[in-house]
């Protein structure tokens, strides 16, 4: 896990949440996209992994209003819909990256 990239900078002020990683990668995340991927016990059933969060109940204009590091492994966001219990591990954030290079790599991996 030592080689796991870590956020160097997190910007929540624009149209997207932007994370600049210490390996030089830049990851953009639409606010609602990231909010809907929260893995906390309120959003995902712990035993079955079944989603508990109804996407229709999350406002289209939901935004991260604050964030803080959690240990050496994740980020916690405070969302404008008052949700704040989710922790986003760095590994999850990198896997959810919406940049063109990551999307192309994901598509290539799915094709085999």
C-alpha atoms as a PDB file:
ATOM      1  CA  UNK A   1       0.000   0.000   0.000  1.00  0.00           C
ATOM      2  CA  UNK A   2       3.049   2.270   0.247  1.00  0.00           C
ATOM      3  CA  UNK A   3       2.921   2.895  -3.487  1.00  0.00           C
ATOM      4  CA  UNK A   4      -0.711   4.011  -3.339  1.00  0.00           C
ATOM      5  CA  UNK A   5      -0.963   7.564  -4.687  1.00  0.00           C
ATOM      6  CA  UNK A   6      -2.153  10.122  -2.175  1.00  0.00           C
ATOM      7  CA  UNK A   7      -3.996  13.378  -2.775  1.00  0.00           C
ATOM      8  CA  UNK A   8      -1.717  16.371  -2.845  1.00  0.00           C
ATOM      9  CA  UNK A   9      -4.547  18.873  -3.300  1.00  0.00           C
ATOM     10  CA  UNK A  10      -8.363  18.702  -3.174  1.00  0.00           C
ATOM     11  CA  UNK A  11     -10.458  21.487  -4.715  1.00  0.00           C
ATOM     12  CA  UNK A  12     -14.220  21.361  -4.098  1.00  0.00           C
ATOM     13  CA  UNK A  13     -15.005  24.904  -5.272  1.00  0.00           C
ATOM     14  CA  UNK A  14     -15.720  24.412  -8.963  1.00  0.00           C
ATOM     15  CA  UNK A  15     -18.169  22.531 -11.148  1.00  0.00           C
ATOM     16  CA  UNK A  16     -16.218  19.353 -10.278  1.00  0.00           C
ATOM     17  CA  UNK A  17     -14.273  18.136  -7.296  1.00  0.00           C
ATOM     18  CA  UNK A  18     -10.666  18.054  -8.490  1.00  0.00           C
ATOM     19  CA  UNK A  19      -8.041  15.899  -6.818  1.00  0.00           C
ATOM     20  CA  UNK A  20      -4.402  16.385  -7.736  1.00  0.00           C
ATOM     21  CA  UNK A  21      -2.458  13.274  -6.769  1.00  0.00           C
ATOM     22  CA  UNK A  22       1.162  13.095  -5.651  1.00  0.00           C
ATOM     23  CA  UNK A  23       1.970  11.019  -8.763  1.00  0.00           C
ATOM     24  CA  UNK A  24       0.876  13.906 -11.010  1.00  0.00           C
ATOM     25  CA  UNK A  25      -2.541  12.514 -11.951  1.00  0.00           C
ATOM     26  CA  UNK A  26      -5.524  14.904 -12.005  1.00  0.00           C
ATOM     27  CA  UNK A  27      -8.940  13.429 -11.229  1.00  0.00           C
ATOM     28  CA  UNK A  28     -12.192  15.343 -11.868  1.00  0.00           C
ATOM     29  CA  UNK A  29     -15.393  14.161 -10.189  1.00  0.00           C
ATOM     30  CA  UNK A  30     -18.825  15.700 -10.682  1.00  0.00           C
ATOM     31  CA  UNK A  31     -20.167  16.417  -7.191  1.00  0.00           C
ATOM     32  CA  UNK A  32     -23.322  14.298  -7.510  1.00  0.00           C
ATOM     33  CA  UNK A  33     -21.403  11.445  -9.169  1.00  0.00           C
ATOM     34  CA  UNK A  34     -19.188  11.156  -6.082  1.00  0.00           C
ATOM     35  CA  UNK A  35     -22.058  11.648  -3.611  1.00  0.00           C
ATOM     36  CA  UNK A  36     -23.978   8.755  -5.211  1.00  0.00           C
ATOM     37  CA  UNK A  37     -20.959   6.461  -4.746  1.00  0.00           C
ATOM     38  CA  UNK A  38     -20.792   6.825  -0.975  1.00  0.00           C
ATOM     39  CA  UNK A  39     -20.186   3.422   0.641  1.00  0.00           C
ATOM     40  CA  UNK A  40     -21.199   4.266   4.234  1.00  0.00           C
ATOM     41  CA  UNK A  41     -23.687   2.093   6.153  1.00  0.00           C
ATOM     42  CA  UNK A  42     -26.466   4.614   5.502  1.00  0.00           C
ATOM     43  CA  UNK A  43     -25.940   4.349   1.749  1.00  0.00           C
ATOM     44  CA  UNK A  44     -25.050   0.654   1.364  1.00  0.00           C
ATOM     45  CA  UNK A  45     -26.371  -2.323   3.340  1.00  0.00           C
ATOM     46  CA  UNK A  46     -23.327  -3.600   5.228  1.00  0.00           C
ATOM     47  CA  UNK A  47     -24.017  -7.334   5.026  1.00  0.00           C
ATOM     48  CA  UNK A  48     -25.339  -7.638   1.485  1.00  0.00           C
ATOM     49  CA  UNK A  49     -23.761  -4.634  -0.247  1.00  0.00           C
ATOM     50  CA  UNK A  50     -27.245  -3.705  -1.498  1.00  0.00           C
ATOM     51  CA  UNK A  51     -27.667   0.019  -2.160  1.00  0.00           C
ATOM     52  CA  UNK A  52     -29.800   1.799   0.433  1.00  0.00           C
ATOM     53  CA  UNK A  53     -29.436   5.263  -1.048  1.00  0.00           C
ATOM     54  CA  UNK A  54     -32.264   6.295  -3.358  1.00  0.00           C
ATOM     55  CA  UNK A  55     -30.596   8.375  -6.097  1.00  0.00           C
ATOM     56  CA  UNK A  56     -33.899  10.207  -6.634  1.00  0.00           C
ATOM     57  CA  UNK A  57     -33.603  11.633  -3.109  1.00  0.00           C
ATOM     58  CA  UNK A  58     -30.180  13.174  -3.774  1.00  0.00           C
ATOM     59  CA  UNK A  59     -30.600  16.685  -5.187  1.00  0.00           C
ATOM     60  CA  UNK A  60     -29.254  17.213  -8.696  1.00  0.00           C
ATOM     61  CA  UNK A  61     -27.299  20.207  -7.411  1.00  0.00           C
ATOM     62  CA  UNK A  62     -25.713  18.472  -4.390  1.00  0.00           C
ATOM     63  CA  UNK A  63     -22.189  19.740  -3.721  1.00  0.00           C
ATOM     64  CA  UNK A  64     -19.321  18.985  -1.402  1.00  0.00           C
ATOM     65  CA  UNK A  65     -19.163  21.956   0.963  1.00  0.00           C
ATOM     66  CA  UNK A  66     -16.151  20.776   2.957  1.00  0.00           C
ATOM     67  CA  UNK A  67     -13.723  17.867   3.206  1.00  0.00           C
ATOM     68  CA  UNK A  68     -11.128  16.465   5.563  1.00  0.00           C
ATOM     69  CA  UNK A  69      -8.510  13.741   5.477  1.00  0.00           C
ATOM     70  CA  UNK A  70      -9.225  10.488   7.293  1.00  0.00           C
ATOM     71  CA  UNK A  71      -6.028   8.880   8.504  1.00  0.00           C
ATOM     72  CA  UNK A  72      -3.606   8.035   5.730  1.00  0.00           C
ATOM     73  CA  UNK A  73      -6.187   6.325   3.555  1.00  0.00           C
ATOM     74  CA  UNK A  74      -9.195   8.462   2.697  1.00  0.00           C
ATOM     75  CA  UNK A  75     -11.215  11.648   2.492  1.00  0.00           C
ATOM     76  CA  UNK A  76     -14.503  12.489   4.156  1.00  0.00           C
ATOM     77  CA  UNK A  77     -16.798  15.001   2.451  1.00  0.00           C
ATOM     78  CA  UNK A  78     -19.560  17.108   3.961  1.00  0.00           C
ATOM     79  CA  UNK A  79     -22.308  17.316   1.345  1.00  0.00           C
ATOM     80  CA  UNK A  80     -24.870  20.068   0.877  1.00  0.00           C
ATOM     81  CA  UNK A  81     -27.635  17.488   1.518  1.00  0.00           C
ATOM     82  CA  UNK A  82     -26.133  17.233   5.074  1.00  0.00           C
ATOM     83  CA  UNK A  83     -24.675  13.772   4.490  1.00  0.00           C
ATOM     84  CA  UNK A  84     -21.251  13.407   6.099  1.00  0.00           C
ATOM     85  CA  UNK A  85     -20.677   9.824   7.235  1.00  0.00           C
ATOM     86  CA  UNK A  86     -19.007   8.426   4.133  1.00  0.00           C
ATOM     87  CA  UNK A  87     -15.279   7.871   3.879  1.00  0.00           C
ATOM     88  CA  UNK A  88     -13.833   7.669   0.386  1.00  0.00           C
ATOM     89  CA  UNK A  89     -10.634   5.581   0.448  1.00  0.00           C
ATOM     90  CA  UNK A  90      -7.916   6.775  -1.921  1.00  0.00           C
ATOM     91  CA  UNK A  91      -8.136   3.451  -3.797  1.00  0.00           C
ATOM     92  CA  UNK A  92     -11.867   4.001  -4.418  1.00  0.00           C
ATOM     93  CA  UNK A  93     -11.318   7.582  -5.541  1.00  0.00           C
ATOM     94  CA  UNK A  94      -8.680   6.509  -8.048  1.00  0.00           C
ATOM     95  CA  UNK A  95     -10.952   3.728  -9.341  1.00  0.00           C
ATOM     96  CA  UNK A  96     -13.792   6.246  -9.794  1.00  0.00           C
ATOM     97  CA  UNK A  97     -11.669   8.755 -11.707  1.00  0.00           C
ATOM     98  CA  UNK A  98     -13.581  10.243 -14.629  1.00  0.00           C
ATOM     99  CA  UNK A  99     -10.634  11.604 -16.625  1.00  0.00           C
ATOM    100  CA  UNK A 100     -10.319  10.571 -20.272  1.00  0.00           C
ATOM    101  CA  UNK A 101      -7.227   8.398 -19.713  1.00  0.00           C
ATOM    102  CA  UNK A 102      -8.864   6.442 -16.883  1.00  0.00           C
ATOM    103  CA  UNK A 103     -12.117   6.005 -18.821  1.00  0.00           C
ATOM    104  CA  UNK A 104     -10.173   4.667 -21.814  1.00  0.00           C
ATOM    105  CA  UNK A 105      -8.197   2.273 -19.583  1.00  0.00           C
ATOM    106  CA  UNK A 106     -11.427   1.030 -17.957  1.00  0.00           C
ATOM    107  CA  UNK A 107     -13.031   0.440 -21.361  1.00  0.00           C
ATOM    108  CA  UNK A 108      -9.950  -1.432 -22.609  1.00  0.00           C
ATOM    109  CA  UNK A 109      -9.931  -3.635 -19.491  1.00  0.00           C
ATOM    110  CA  UNK A 110     -13.617  -4.461 -19.983  1.00  0.00           C
ATOM    111  CA  UNK A 111     -12.977  -5.452 -23.604  1.00  0.00           C
ATOM    112  CA  UNK A 112     -10.267  -7.814 -22.378  1.00  0.00           C
END
